[in-house]
Amino acid sequence: MKVIVSPANYLNALDLIKINTHYLLIGQECFSIRKNYSFSNDELERIINEKQNTKILVLVNRTFFEEDIKPLTKYLVNLSKLNIDGIVFSDFAVVQICKEQKLNFEFFYNPETLVTNYGQFEFYLKNKINNVFISRELRINEVKQILDNKQQMNVGMQCSGYSFIMESKWKMIENFNQEYNLQIPLNKKLYLKEETRNFPTIIYQDKYGTYLYTSYCLSTIKQLNELSTKPDYLFIDSFLHDEQWIKEMTQLYLEICNDPSNAIKHLEVEKQICKNEPINSGFLGEAKDMVYLREEEHGK
């Protein structure tokens, strides 16, 4: 198992390299969404020069439209000149452009919710996509089935961080402000509390749209011990977390990769890292264990 994590900033990236993090996932302006920080080209090049044993992936996970094709092509061509180790994408336009331009990237496909069974792998492999991230909405028996039948495919799964729920191009918070003459801040973690639900959801808006996340941190330590075939990659979704959380959580999962046993010890450390944030196994856990947060449980 290898750990993939996005740094909070340039200095955090250097700290993660020092502790021998397996993969850093680097986001950049205009081509990456749901990232804590946009790395400049200069910072990316400096990280590549300092990477040591760490591999560098670049996040190219926007949905692209006709007007984006030319700038995206130029961006991918420029990326191909750098010593990066792969790109994480969600739109097949990225693969098509790379094929047309004869760009040789290692592809990591992360469509968030679409990879749900190993029957899809033949198509991906034919298109030189050797790495995929499976959906978070799978039960543990479905994950086991995929991992036991993955064959040549490298499979990643989210192990920690808030769980992504949905994305919309609509500027929901901005529109809400205009409708009700409010000044709710953008580019900030906010909580959406619906009357019909007894737990909040994280809502966040940037210039590309609006995103919803769970307000609990995913915890997969118990389930990792249940898997006879382990995932190739453990993805820490660090979006909306600070550099201390990112470094501590990365250190924890690096230890788990080295020694998957002793889950109770690791779980207690994870609870300390998350402090007052609730943690939950999401769909991987038992239905009775699913978190339904009340306002008072979330410090509201």
Protein backbone atom coordinates (compact mmCIF):
# COMPACT_ATOMS: atom_id res chain seq x y z
CA MET A 1 0.00 0.00 0.00
CA LYS A 2 1.15 3.52 -0.84
CA VAL A 3 -0.14 6.80 0.60
CA ILE A 4 -1.31 9.65 -1.67
CA VAL A 5 -1.98 13.06 -0.11
CA SER A 6 -2.32 16.70 -1.19
CA PRO A 7 -0.13 19.22 0.69
CA ALA A 8 -1.61 22.33 2.29
CA ASN A 9 1.14 24.54 0.85
CA TYR A 10 4.74 24.49 -0.38
CA LEU A 11 6.36 24.13 3.06
CA ASN A 12 3.93 21.36 3.95
CA ALA A 13 4.97 19.58 0.74
CA LEU A 14 8.61 19.70 1.84
CA ASP A 15 7.67 18.34 5.27
CA LEU A 16 5.77 15.46 3.65
CA ILE A 17 8.79 14.68 1.48
CA LYS A 18 11.00 14.55 4.60
CA ILE A 19 8.83 11.83 6.15
CA ASN A 20 9.01 9.80 2.91
CA THR A 21 5.40 10.19 1.84
CA HIS A 22 4.88 7.91 -1.13
CA TYR A 23 2.94 10.32 -3.39
CA LEU A 24 2.17 14.04 -3.31
CA LEU A 25 -0.87 15.19 -5.26
CA ILE A 26 -0.24 18.74 -6.51
CA GLY A 27 -3.08 21.03 -7.57
CA GLN A 28 -2.75 24.07 -9.82
CA GLU A 29 -4.99 26.98 -10.72
CA CYS A 30 -7.47 26.55 -13.62
CA PHE A 31 -7.00 22.79 -13.95
CA SER A 32 -7.57 21.46 -10.42
CA ILE A 33 -10.57 21.72 -8.12
CA ARG A 34 -11.19 20.73 -4.48
CA LYS A 35 -7.65 21.53 -3.42
CA ASN A 36 -6.29 23.39 -0.41
CA TYR A 37 -3.65 25.26 -2.36
CA SER A 38 -2.76 26.18 -5.94
CA PHE A 39 0.92 25.56 -6.58
CA SER A 40 2.70 27.88 -8.97
CA ASN A 41 4.80 26.43 -11.79
CA ASP A 42 7.92 27.52 -9.93
CA GLU A 43 6.80 25.75 -6.75
CA LEU A 44 5.96 22.61 -8.71
CA GLU A 45 9.40 22.55 -10.31
CA ARG A 46 11.10 23.11 -6.95
CA ILE A 47 9.09 20.26 -5.39
CA ILE A 48 10.11 17.97 -8.27
CA ASN A 49 13.75 18.87 -7.65
CA GLU A 50 13.36 18.16 -3.92
CA LYS A 51 11.16 15.07 -4.15
CA GLN A 52 13.78 12.44 -3.19
CA ASN A 53 11.87 9.13 -2.81
CA THR A 54 8.46 10.79 -3.07
CA LYS A 55 6.57 10.58 -6.36
CA ILE A 56 4.71 13.62 -7.71
CA LEU A 57 1.23 13.47 -9.19
CA VAL A 58 -0.55 16.50 -10.66
CA LEU A 59 -4.29 16.94 -10.14
CA VAL A 60 -6.18 17.65 -13.40
CA ASN A 61 -9.67 16.88 -12.14
CA ARG A 62 -11.91 19.59 -13.56
CA THR A 63 -14.69 18.80 -16.01
CA PHE A 64 -13.57 20.43 -19.26
CA PHE A 65 -15.67 22.01 -22.01
CA GLU A 66 -15.04 23.09 -25.60
CA GLU A 67 -13.57 26.43 -24.60
CA ASP A 68 -11.13 24.62 -22.29
CA ILE A 69 -9.58 22.31 -24.90
CA LYS A 70 -6.84 24.62 -26.18
CA PRO A 71 -5.58 25.78 -22.75
CA LEU A 72 -5.85 22.21 -21.43
CA THR A 73 -3.80 20.89 -24.36
CA LYS A 74 -1.12 23.53 -23.80
CA TYR A 75 -1.07 22.74 -20.09
CA LEU A 76 -0.67 18.99 -20.62
CA VAL A 77 2.10 19.51 -23.18
CA ASN A 78 3.98 21.70 -20.69
CA LEU A 79 3.42 19.15 -17.91
CA SER A 80 4.92 16.44 -20.10
CA LYS A 81 8.21 18.34 -20.06
CA LEU A 82 8.45 18.05 -16.28
CA ASN A 83 9.64 15.06 -14.32
CA ILE A 84 6.29 14.20 -12.77
CA ASP A 85 5.13 10.66 -12.07
CA GLY A 86 1.53 10.85 -13.24
CA ILE A 87 -1.70 12.81 -13.41
CA VAL A 88 -4.96 12.27 -11.57
CA PHE A 89 -7.95 13.03 -13.78
CA SER A 90 -11.73 12.62 -13.95
CA ASP A 91 -12.56 13.76 -17.51
CA PHE A 92 -11.63 11.42 -20.39
CA ALA A 93 -10.83 14.48 -22.51
CA VAL A 94 -7.50 14.46 -20.67
CA VAL A 95 -6.66 10.98 -21.92
CA GLN A 96 -7.84 11.77 -25.45
CA ILE A 97 -5.66 14.89 -25.67
CA CYS A 98 -2.65 13.00 -24.36
CA LYS A 99 -3.22 10.30 -26.97
CA GLU A 100 -3.50 12.85 -29.79
CA GLN A 101 -0.42 14.74 -28.60
CA LYS A 102 1.53 11.51 -27.93
CA LEU A 103 2.10 12.43 -24.29
CA ASN A 104 3.19 9.54 -22.09
CA PHE A 105 1.69 10.00 -18.64
CA GLU A 106 0.89 7.47 -15.97
CA PHE A 107 -2.89 7.92 -15.61
CA PHE A 108 -4.79 7.78 -12.31
CA TYR A 109 -8.54 7.84 -12.92
CA ASN A 110 -10.63 9.29 -10.09
CA PRO A 111 -14.23 10.02 -11.14
CA GLU A 112 -15.27 10.02 -7.45
CA THR A 113 -18.37 7.80 -7.69
CA LEU A 114 -18.20 5.88 -10.98
CA VAL A 115 -15.73 3.03 -10.40
CA THR A 116 -17.97 0.48 -8.72
CA ASN A 117 -16.93 -2.95 -10.07
CA TYR A 118 -13.97 -4.77 -11.61
CA GLY A 119 -15.89 -5.41 -14.83
CA GLN A 120 -14.94 -1.87 -15.88
CA PHE A 121 -11.20 -2.53 -15.67
CA GLU A 122 -10.80 -4.09 -19.11
CA PHE A 123 -11.95 -0.85 -20.75
CA TYR A 124 -9.59 1.26 -18.64
CA LEU A 125 -6.60 -0.99 -19.29
CA LYS A 126 -7.23 -0.89 -23.06
CA ASN A 127 -6.96 2.90 -22.80
CA LYS A 128 -3.69 2.70 -20.81
CA ILE A 129 -5.33 3.67 -17.54
CA ASN A 130 -3.61 1.41 -15.03
CA ASN A 131 -4.68 3.14 -11.83
CA VAL A 132 -8.21 3.84 -10.58
CA PHE A 133 -9.84 5.08 -7.40
CA ILE A 134 -12.95 3.20 -6.38
CA SER A 135 -16.18 4.84 -5.26
CA ARG A 136 -16.68 5.66 -1.58
CA GLU A 137 -20.27 4.42 -1.76
CA LEU A 138 -19.25 0.75 -1.80
CA ARG A 139 -19.84 -1.72 1.02
CA ILE A 140 -16.90 -3.70 2.38
CA ASN A 141 -17.91 -6.91 0.55
CA GLU A 142 -17.97 -5.01 -2.77
CA VAL A 143 -14.52 -3.57 -2.09
CA LYS A 144 -13.22 -7.07 -1.30
CA GLN A 145 -14.64 -8.38 -4.57
CA ILE A 146 -12.98 -5.62 -6.59
CA LEU A 147 -9.60 -6.05 -4.89
CA ASP A 148 -9.66 -9.84 -5.20
CA ASN A 149 -10.30 -9.53 -8.96
CA LYS A 150 -8.27 -6.45 -9.89
CA GLN A 151 -5.59 -8.42 -11.81
CA GLN A 152 -3.30 -5.89 -13.58
CA MET A 153 -5.18 -2.85 -12.29
CA ASN A 154 -3.78 -0.74 -9.44
CA VAL A 155 -6.67 0.20 -7.17
CA GLY A 156 -6.85 3.12 -4.77
CA MET A 157 -9.41 3.99 -2.12
CA GLN A 158 -9.95 6.95 0.18
CA CYS A 159 -8.78 6.18 3.70
CA SER A 160 -9.23 9.50 5.51
CA GLY A 161 -10.62 13.01 5.22
CA TYR A 162 -14.08 14.32 4.47
CA SER A 163 -16.04 12.27 1.94
CA PHE A 164 -17.03 14.01 -1.27
CA ILE A 165 -20.79 13.93 -1.94
CA MET A 166 -21.52 16.06 -5.00
CA GLU A 167 -20.38 18.92 -7.21
CA SER A 168 -22.40 21.53 -9.10
CA LYS A 169 -21.41 24.30 -11.48
CA TRP A 170 -24.10 26.44 -9.86
CA LYS A 171 -22.76 29.13 -7.54
CA MET A 172 -25.14 28.22 -4.78
CA ILE A 173 -23.81 30.35 -1.93
CA GLU A 174 -23.32 33.37 -4.17
CA ASN A 175 -26.87 33.03 -5.53
CA PHE A 176 -28.21 32.64 -2.00
CA ASN A 177 -26.42 35.84 -0.98
CA GLN A 178 -27.93 37.76 -3.87
CA GLU A 179 -31.43 36.42 -3.29
CA TYR A 180 -31.51 37.27 0.43
CA ASN A 181 -29.06 40.19 0.49
CA LEU A 182 -26.55 38.32 2.67
CA GLN A 183 -22.77 38.25 2.83
CA ILE A 184 -21.93 34.62 3.53
CA PRO A 185 -18.20 34.25 2.75
CA LEU A 186 -17.00 32.17 -0.19
CA ASN A 187 -13.92 29.91 -0.31
CA LYS A 188 -14.58 28.86 3.27
CA LYS A 189 -15.84 25.69 4.95
CA LEU A 190 -19.49 26.17 5.89
CA TYR A 191 -22.11 23.81 7.28
CA LEU A 192 -25.46 23.20 5.64
CA LYS A 193 -28.16 22.02 8.03
CA GLU A 194 -31.39 20.76 6.46
CA GLU A 195 -34.61 20.63 8.45
CA THR A 196 -35.35 17.09 7.29
CA ARG A 197 -31.94 15.73 8.36
CA ASN A 198 -30.34 15.52 11.77
CA PHE A 199 -26.73 15.89 10.58
CA PRO A 200 -24.99 18.76 8.76
CA THR A 201 -23.12 18.72 5.47
CA ILE A 202 -20.06 20.76 4.56
CA ILE A 203 -20.72 23.16 1.70
CA TYR A 204 -17.98 25.05 -0.13
CA GLN A 205 -17.97 27.30 -3.19
CA ASP A 206 -15.15 28.51 -5.40
CA LYS A 207 -15.19 30.09 -8.86
CA TYR A 208 -15.76 26.70 -10.52
CA GLY A 209 -18.86 25.74 -8.56
CA THR A 210 -20.18 24.35 -5.29
CA TYR A 211 -19.21 21.16 -3.48
CA LEU A 212 -20.79 19.11 -0.71
CA TYR A 213 -18.85 16.92 1.73
CA THR A 214 -19.67 14.87 4.78
CA SER A 215 -18.91 16.64 8.04
CA TYR A 216 -17.28 13.54 9.51
CA CYS A 217 -13.80 12.28 8.65
CA LEU A 218 -13.63 8.92 6.97
CA SER A 219 -11.88 6.20 8.98
CA THR A 220 -10.96 2.91 7.26
CA ILE A 221 -8.44 1.41 9.68
CA LYS A 222 -10.71 -1.42 10.87
CA GLN A 223 -11.77 -2.28 7.33
CA LEU A 224 -8.20 -2.32 5.98
CA ASN A 225 -7.44 -5.10 8.43
CA GLU A 226 -10.38 -7.09 7.06
CA LEU A 227 -9.11 -6.99 3.47
CA SER A 228 -7.07 -10.03 2.43
CA THR A 229 -6.07 -8.20 -0.76
CA LYS A 230 -4.98 -4.70 0.16
CA PRO A 231 -5.54 -1.62 -2.04
CA ASP A 232 -2.48 -0.36 -3.89
CA TYR A 233 -3.11 3.25 -2.86
CA LEU A 234 -4.56 4.88 0.23
CA PHE A 235 -5.83 8.36 -0.58
CA ILE A 236 -5.99 10.95 2.20
CA ASP A 237 -8.43 13.60 1.00
CA SER A 238 -6.94 16.57 2.81
CA PHE A 239 -9.32 19.16 1.35
CA LEU A 240 -10.34 21.71 4.01
CA HIS A 241 -7.75 20.45 6.51
CA ASP A 242 -4.67 22.30 7.79
CA GLU A 243 -1.03 21.33 7.43
CA GLN A 244 -0.70 19.88 10.93
CA TRP A 245 -3.65 17.52 10.37
CA ILE A 246 -2.24 16.56 6.95
CA LYS A 247 1.23 15.75 8.28
CA GLU A 248 -0.03 13.80 11.31
CA MET A 249 -2.60 11.83 9.32
CA THR A 250 -0.01 11.05 6.64
CA GLN A 251 2.45 9.81 9.27
CA LEU A 252 -0.27 7.59 10.72
CA TYR A 253 -1.15 5.95 7.41
CA LEU A 254 2.51 5.54 6.50
CA GLU A 255 2.83 3.52 9.71
CA ILE A 256 -0.26 1.52 8.79
CA CYS A 257 1.28 0.70 5.40
CA ASN A 258 4.38 -0.59 7.17
CA ASP A 259 2.39 -2.50 9.80
CA PRO A 260 -1.33 -3.03 9.05
CA SER A 261 -1.83 -4.90 12.36
CA ASN A 262 -2.81 -3.45 15.75
CA ALA A 263 -5.84 -1.52 14.49
CA ILE A 264 -6.90 -0.36 17.96
CA LYS A 265 -3.62 1.46 18.50
CA HIS A 266 -3.87 3.17 15.11
CA LEU A 267 -7.52 4.04 15.63
CA GLU A 268 -6.81 5.77 18.93
CA VAL A 269 -4.10 7.87 17.26
CA GLU A 270 -6.53 8.79 14.48
CA LYS A 271 -9.08 9.94 17.05
CA GLN A 272 -6.47 12.19 18.63
CA ILE A 273 -5.55 13.70 15.26
CA CYS A 274 -9.20 14.45 14.45
CA LYS A 275 -9.77 15.81 18.01
CA ASN A 276 -13.35 17.10 18.15
CA GLU A 277 -14.21 16.04 14.61
CA PRO A 278 -16.35 12.91 14.39
CA ILE A 279 -14.91 9.97 12.45
CA ASN A 280 -16.86 7.21 10.76
CA SER A 281 -16.32 4.32 8.35
CA GLY A 282 -19.03 5.55 6.00
CA PHE A 283 -20.41 2.89 3.67
CA LEU A 284 -17.58 0.52 4.62
CA GLY A 285 -18.91 0.13 8.15
CA GLU A 286 -22.03 -1.49 9.48
CA ALA A 287 -25.30 0.33 8.80
CA LYS A 288 -25.91 0.64 12.53
CA ASP A 289 -22.60 2.49 12.91
CA MET A 290 -23.34 5.22 10.37
CA VAL A 291 -22.95 8.69 11.86
CA TYR A 292 -26.05 10.85 12.11
CA LEU A 293 -24.77 14.05 13.65
CA ARG A 294 -26.88 16.27 15.80
CA GLU A 295 -25.95 19.91 16.13
CA GLU A 296 -24.80 19.54 19.71
CA GLU A 297 -22.52 16.63 18.69
CA HIS A 298 -20.76 18.90 16.22
CA GLY A 299 -20.15 21.71 18.66
CA LYS A 300 -22.89 23.91 17.23
